[in-house]
């Protein structure tokens, strides 16, 4: 079940989804690529590019993203 997805570029998209690994609940943020590029039907497959993070670490991830956004705003 995808929570969210967005286009990274013309050939890739980022998909955010819940997953489980060795009994740990994770949120997977991964780049997917179209394995059928140029074909009539899209077939999205996961790439090794991504991040799987335990749900208990999501607050830390959000805090880091918020700090990064504030720094970017300062540079405008």
Protein backbone atom coordinates (compact mmCIF):
# COMPACT_ATOMS: atom_id res chain seq x y z
CA UNK A 1 0.00 0.00 0.00
CA UNK A 2 1.55 3.28 -1.13
CA UNK A 3 1.17 6.19 1.27
CA UNK A 4 2.45 8.73 -1.24
CA UNK A 5 4.36 8.90 -4.49
CA UNK A 6 5.79 11.66 -6.62
CA UNK A 7 7.77 11.96 -9.83
CA UNK A 8 11.53 12.29 -9.38
CA UNK A 9 12.21 12.72 -13.09
CA UNK A 10 10.86 11.41 -16.40
CA UNK A 11 12.09 7.86 -15.71
CA UNK A 12 11.82 7.54 -11.92
CA UNK A 13 9.41 8.16 -9.08
CA UNK A 14 9.66 8.08 -5.30
CA UNK A 15 7.22 5.86 -3.42
CA UNK A 16 6.63 6.00 0.33
CA UNK A 17 5.12 2.87 1.83
CA UNK A 18 4.94 0.94 5.08
CA UNK A 19 6.85 -2.34 5.19
CA UNK A 20 8.16 -4.92 7.64
CA UNK A 21 11.60 -6.50 7.96
CA UNK A 22 12.58 -9.00 10.62
CA UNK A 23 9.49 -8.11 12.68
CA UNK A 24 10.29 -4.38 12.60
CA UNK A 25 7.71 -1.94 11.24
CA UNK A 26 9.40 0.39 8.75
CA UNK A 27 8.60 3.25 6.43
CA UNK A 28 10.30 2.73 3.08
CA UNK A 29 11.11 5.77 0.94
CA UNK A 30 12.44 4.37 -2.31
CA UNK A 31 13.16 5.35 -5.90
CA UNK A 32 11.31 3.18 -8.41
CA UNK A 33 12.15 2.95 -12.11
CA UNK A 34 10.02 1.99 -15.08
CA UNK A 35 11.27 -1.47 -16.04
CA UNK A 36 9.20 -1.29 -19.22
CA UNK A 37 10.48 2.10 -20.41
CA UNK A 38 9.35 2.70 -23.96
CA UNK A 39 6.73 -0.03 -23.68
CA UNK A 40 3.00 0.42 -23.81
CA UNK A 41 2.45 -0.40 -20.13
CA UNK A 42 4.45 0.96 -17.19
CA UNK A 43 6.02 -1.57 -14.83
CA UNK A 44 7.56 0.07 -11.77
CA UNK A 45 10.32 -1.77 -9.89
CA UNK A 46 12.22 -0.70 -6.76
CA UNK A 47 15.81 0.43 -7.09
CA UNK A 48 18.45 0.10 -4.36
CA UNK A 49 18.24 3.90 -3.92
CA UNK A 50 16.19 4.59 -0.84
CA UNK A 51 15.78 4.60 2.89
CA UNK A 52 13.96 2.19 5.20
CA UNK A 53 13.51 3.72 8.63
CA UNK A 54 11.95 2.35 11.81
CA UNK A 55 8.73 4.07 12.77
CA UNK A 56 10.28 5.15 16.08
CA UNK A 57 12.84 7.21 14.15
CA UNK A 58 10.30 9.13 12.06
CA UNK A 59 10.22 12.07 14.47
CA UNK A 60 14.01 12.44 14.13
CA UNK A 61 13.73 12.26 10.34
CA UNK A 62 10.99 14.90 10.30
CA UNK A 63 13.02 17.15 12.59
CA UNK A 64 16.01 16.89 10.24
CA UNK A 65 13.88 17.69 7.20
CA UNK A 66 12.32 20.67 8.98
CA UNK A 67 15.80 22.00 9.88
CA UNK A 68 16.99 21.55 6.30
CA UNK A 69 13.96 23.44 4.98
CA UNK A 70 14.62 26.32 7.38
CA UNK A 71 18.23 26.53 6.18
CA UNK A 72 17.07 26.61 2.57
CA UNK A 73 14.60 29.38 3.38
CA UNK A 74 17.41 31.46 4.90
CA UNK A 75 19.31 31.28 1.60
CA UNK A 76 16.43 32.71 -0.46
